[in-house]
Amino acid sequence: MLVTINVAVLLAIIIILRLRRRTQARSRFDEKLTVAIVLVFGVLIAPTAVGQGILDVVVQVVQGVSQSGR
C-alpha cells in the first residue's frame, strides 16, 4: 500500500498548528520560520486551480476597492 501526501496540504496543516500558538510564546526565529513556511506554501499552491481561484478573488477585491475610491 502506497500512501502519498500532498506537500501543500501538509504545509497548510503545519501553518494552522503554528498559528494557533499564542503570540507571546513565539520567538523571532519562530516567526521567521512561519513566514518562510507560508511563502513556500504560496509558491506550491499558486499554479493549482485553488491558487488561481484565490488569485481571482483577490483581484476582484482589489479592483472593487480601487473602484470605490474613485
N, C-alpha and C. Protein backbone atom coordinates (compact mmCIF):
# COMPACT_ATOMS: atom_id res chain seq x y z
N MET A 1 0.85 -1.18 0.00
CA MET A 1 0.00 0.00 0.00
C MET A 1 0.89 1.24 0.00
N LEU A 2 0.64 2.12 -0.94
CA LEU A 2 1.44 3.34 -1.08
C LEU A 2 0.59 4.54 -0.66
N VAL A 3 1.10 5.30 0.27
CA VAL A 3 0.38 6.48 0.76
C VAL A 3 1.13 7.71 0.27
N THR A 4 0.42 8.60 -0.40
CA THR A 4 1.04 9.84 -0.86
C THR A 4 0.50 10.99 -0.04
N ILE A 5 1.36 11.96 0.20
CA ILE A 5 0.98 13.15 0.96
C ILE A 5 1.24 14.36 0.07
N ASN A 6 0.23 15.14 -0.12
CA ASN A 6 0.38 16.37 -0.88
C ASN A 6 1.14 17.36 0.02
N VAL A 7 2.24 17.88 -0.50
CA VAL A 7 3.10 18.77 0.30
C VAL A 7 2.35 20.04 0.68
N ALA A 8 1.51 20.55 -0.23
CA ALA A 8 0.76 21.77 0.08
C ALA A 8 -0.21 21.53 1.23
N VAL A 9 -0.85 20.37 1.26
CA VAL A 9 -1.78 20.06 2.35
C VAL A 9 -1.02 19.93 3.66
N LEU A 10 0.12 19.27 3.61
CA LEU A 10 0.95 19.12 4.82
C LEU A 10 1.39 20.48 5.34
N LEU A 11 1.83 21.36 4.45
CA LEU A 11 2.23 22.71 4.88
C LEU A 11 1.05 23.49 5.43
N ALA A 12 -0.13 23.32 4.86
CA ALA A 12 -1.32 24.01 5.38
C ALA A 12 -1.61 23.58 6.80
N ILE A 13 -1.48 22.29 7.07
CA ILE A 13 -1.70 21.78 8.43
C ILE A 13 -0.66 22.34 9.38
N ILE A 14 0.60 22.37 8.95
CA ILE A 14 1.67 22.91 9.79
C ILE A 14 1.42 24.39 10.08
N ILE A 15 0.99 25.15 9.07
CA ILE A 15 0.72 26.58 9.26
C ILE A 15 -0.40 26.78 10.28
N ILE A 16 -1.46 26.01 10.15
CA ILE A 16 -2.59 26.14 11.09
C ILE A 16 -2.13 25.83 12.52
N LEU A 17 -1.35 24.77 12.68
CA LEU A 17 -0.87 24.42 14.02
C LEU A 17 0.05 25.49 14.60
N ARG A 18 0.91 26.06 13.75
CA ARG A 18 1.84 27.09 14.23
C ARG A 18 1.11 28.38 14.59
N LEU A 19 0.08 28.73 13.83
CA LEU A 19 -0.63 29.98 14.10
C LEU A 19 -1.58 29.88 15.28
N ARG A 20 -1.89 28.68 15.72
CA ARG A 20 -2.77 28.52 16.88
C ARG A 20 -2.06 28.86 18.18
N ARG A 21 -0.72 28.87 18.15
CA ARG A 21 0.03 29.19 19.37
C ARG A 21 -0.16 30.66 19.73
N ARG A 22 -0.04 30.96 21.00
CA ARG A 22 -0.16 32.34 21.46
C ARG A 22 0.97 33.17 20.91
N THR A 23 0.68 34.43 20.62
CA THR A 23 1.67 35.33 20.04
C THR A 23 2.84 35.56 21.00
N GLN A 24 2.56 35.64 22.30
CA GLN A 24 3.61 35.91 23.27
C GLN A 24 4.59 34.75 23.36
N ALA A 25 4.17 33.55 22.99
CA ALA A 25 5.02 32.39 23.13
C ALA A 25 5.95 32.21 21.93
N ARG A 26 5.84 33.05 20.93
CA ARG A 26 6.67 32.91 19.73
C ARG A 26 7.95 33.71 19.84
N SER A 27 9.04 33.10 19.43
CA SER A 27 10.31 33.82 19.36
C SER A 27 10.44 34.45 17.97
N ARG A 28 11.44 35.27 17.79
CA ARG A 28 11.68 35.90 16.50
C ARG A 28 11.99 34.85 15.43
N PHE A 29 12.78 33.86 15.80
CA PHE A 29 13.11 32.78 14.87
C PHE A 29 11.85 32.01 14.48
N ASP A 30 10.98 31.78 15.45
CA ASP A 30 9.73 31.07 15.20
C ASP A 30 8.86 31.84 14.21
N GLU A 31 8.80 33.14 14.35
CA GLU A 31 8.02 33.97 13.43
C GLU A 31 8.62 33.94 12.03
N LYS A 32 9.94 34.00 11.93
CA LYS A 32 10.61 33.95 10.63
C LYS A 32 10.38 32.60 9.95
N LEU A 33 10.42 31.54 10.72
CA LEU A 33 10.17 30.21 10.17
C LEU A 33 8.74 30.09 9.66
N THR A 34 7.79 30.65 10.39
CA THR A 34 6.40 30.63 9.95
C THR A 34 6.23 31.40 8.64
N VAL A 35 6.88 32.53 8.52
CA VAL A 35 6.82 33.32 7.28
C VAL A 35 7.41 32.52 6.12
N ALA A 36 8.53 31.86 6.34
CA ALA A 36 9.15 31.06 5.28
C ALA A 36 8.24 29.91 4.86
N ILE A 37 7.60 29.26 5.82
CA ILE A 37 6.68 28.16 5.50
C ILE A 37 5.50 28.68 4.70
N VAL A 38 4.96 29.83 5.07
CA VAL A 38 3.83 30.41 4.35
C VAL A 38 4.24 30.78 2.92
N LEU A 39 5.44 31.30 2.74
CA LEU A 39 5.92 31.64 1.39
C LEU A 39 6.05 30.39 0.52
N VAL A 40 6.60 29.33 1.08
CA VAL A 40 6.72 28.07 0.33
C VAL A 40 5.34 27.54 -0.01
N PHE A 41 4.41 27.62 0.93
CA PHE A 41 3.04 27.19 0.69
C PHE A 41 2.42 27.98 -0.47
N GLY A 42 2.65 29.27 -0.48
CA GLY A 42 2.13 30.12 -1.57
C GLY A 42 2.69 29.73 -2.92
N VAL A 43 3.98 29.42 -2.96
CA VAL A 43 4.61 29.01 -4.22
C VAL A 43 4.05 27.67 -4.68
N LEU A 44 3.79 26.77 -3.75
CA LEU A 44 3.26 25.45 -4.12
C LEU A 44 1.81 25.52 -4.58
N ILE A 45 1.02 26.39 -3.98
CA ILE A 45 -0.41 26.41 -4.30
C ILE A 45 -0.73 27.33 -5.49
N ALA A 46 0.17 28.23 -5.84
CA ALA A 46 -0.09 29.22 -6.90
C ALA A 46 -0.47 28.61 -8.24
N PRO A 47 0.22 27.58 -8.74
CA PRO A 47 -0.14 27.08 -10.08
C PRO A 47 -1.35 26.15 -10.10
N THR A 48 -1.95 25.85 -8.98
CA THR A 48 -3.08 24.93 -8.93
C THR A 48 -4.38 25.68 -9.21
N ALA A 49 -5.46 24.92 -9.40
CA ALA A 49 -6.77 25.52 -9.63
C ALA A 49 -7.23 26.32 -8.41
N VAL A 50 -6.93 25.80 -7.22
CA VAL A 50 -7.28 26.52 -5.98
C VAL A 50 -6.53 27.84 -5.92
N GLY A 51 -5.25 27.81 -6.24
CA GLY A 51 -4.44 29.03 -6.24
C GLY A 51 -4.95 30.06 -7.23
N GLN A 52 -5.37 29.60 -8.41
CA GLN A 52 -5.91 30.52 -9.40
C GLN A 52 -7.24 31.11 -8.93
N GLY A 53 -8.04 30.30 -8.25
CA GLY A 53 -9.30 30.80 -7.71
C GLY A 53 -9.06 31.86 -6.65
N ILE A 54 -8.09 31.62 -5.77
CA ILE A 54 -7.75 32.61 -4.74
C ILE A 54 -7.26 33.89 -5.39
N LEU A 55 -6.43 33.76 -6.43
CA LEU A 55 -5.93 34.93 -7.14
C LEU A 55 -7.07 35.72 -7.76
N ASP A 56 -8.03 35.03 -8.37
CA ASP A 56 -9.17 35.71 -8.97
C ASP A 56 -9.98 36.48 -7.93
N VAL A 57 -10.18 35.88 -6.76
CA VAL A 57 -10.93 36.55 -5.69
C VAL A 57 -10.18 37.79 -5.22
N VAL A 58 -8.87 37.66 -5.03
CA VAL A 58 -8.07 38.80 -4.57
C VAL A 58 -8.09 39.93 -5.60
N VAL A 59 -7.98 39.57 -6.88
CA VAL A 59 -8.02 40.58 -7.94
C VAL A 59 -9.36 41.30 -7.94
N GLN A 60 -10.45 40.57 -7.77
CA GLN A 60 -11.77 41.20 -7.74
C GLN A 60 -11.92 42.14 -6.55
N VAL A 61 -11.41 41.73 -5.39
CA VAL A 61 -11.49 42.58 -4.20
C VAL A 61 -10.68 43.85 -4.41
N VAL A 62 -9.47 43.71 -4.94
CA VAL A 62 -8.62 44.89 -5.16
C VAL A 62 -9.25 45.82 -6.18
N GLN A 63 -9.83 45.27 -7.25
CA GLN A 63 -10.49 46.11 -8.24
C GLN A 63 -11.70 46.82 -7.63
N GLY A 64 -12.46 46.12 -6.79
CA GLY A 64 -13.60 46.73 -6.13
C GLY A 64 -13.19 47.86 -5.21
N VAL A 65 -12.12 47.67 -4.47
CA VAL A 65 -11.63 48.71 -3.56
C VAL A 65 -11.13 49.91 -4.35
N SER A 66 -10.41 49.65 -5.45
CA SER A 66 -9.88 50.76 -6.23
C SER A 66 -11.01 51.52 -6.95
N GLN A 67 -12.07 50.80 -7.35
CA GLN A 67 -13.21 51.47 -7.99
C GLN A 67 -14.00 52.32 -7.00
N SER A 68 -14.10 51.85 -5.75
CA SER A 68 -14.85 52.60 -4.74
C SER A 68 -14.11 53.86 -4.31
N GLY A 69 -12.82 53.90 -4.52
CA GLY A 69 -12.03 55.08 -4.16
C GLY A 69 -12.17 56.21 -5.15
N ARG A 70 -12.76 55.94 -6.30
CA ARG A 70 -12.86 56.97 -7.34
C ARG A 70 -14.11 57.79 -7.21
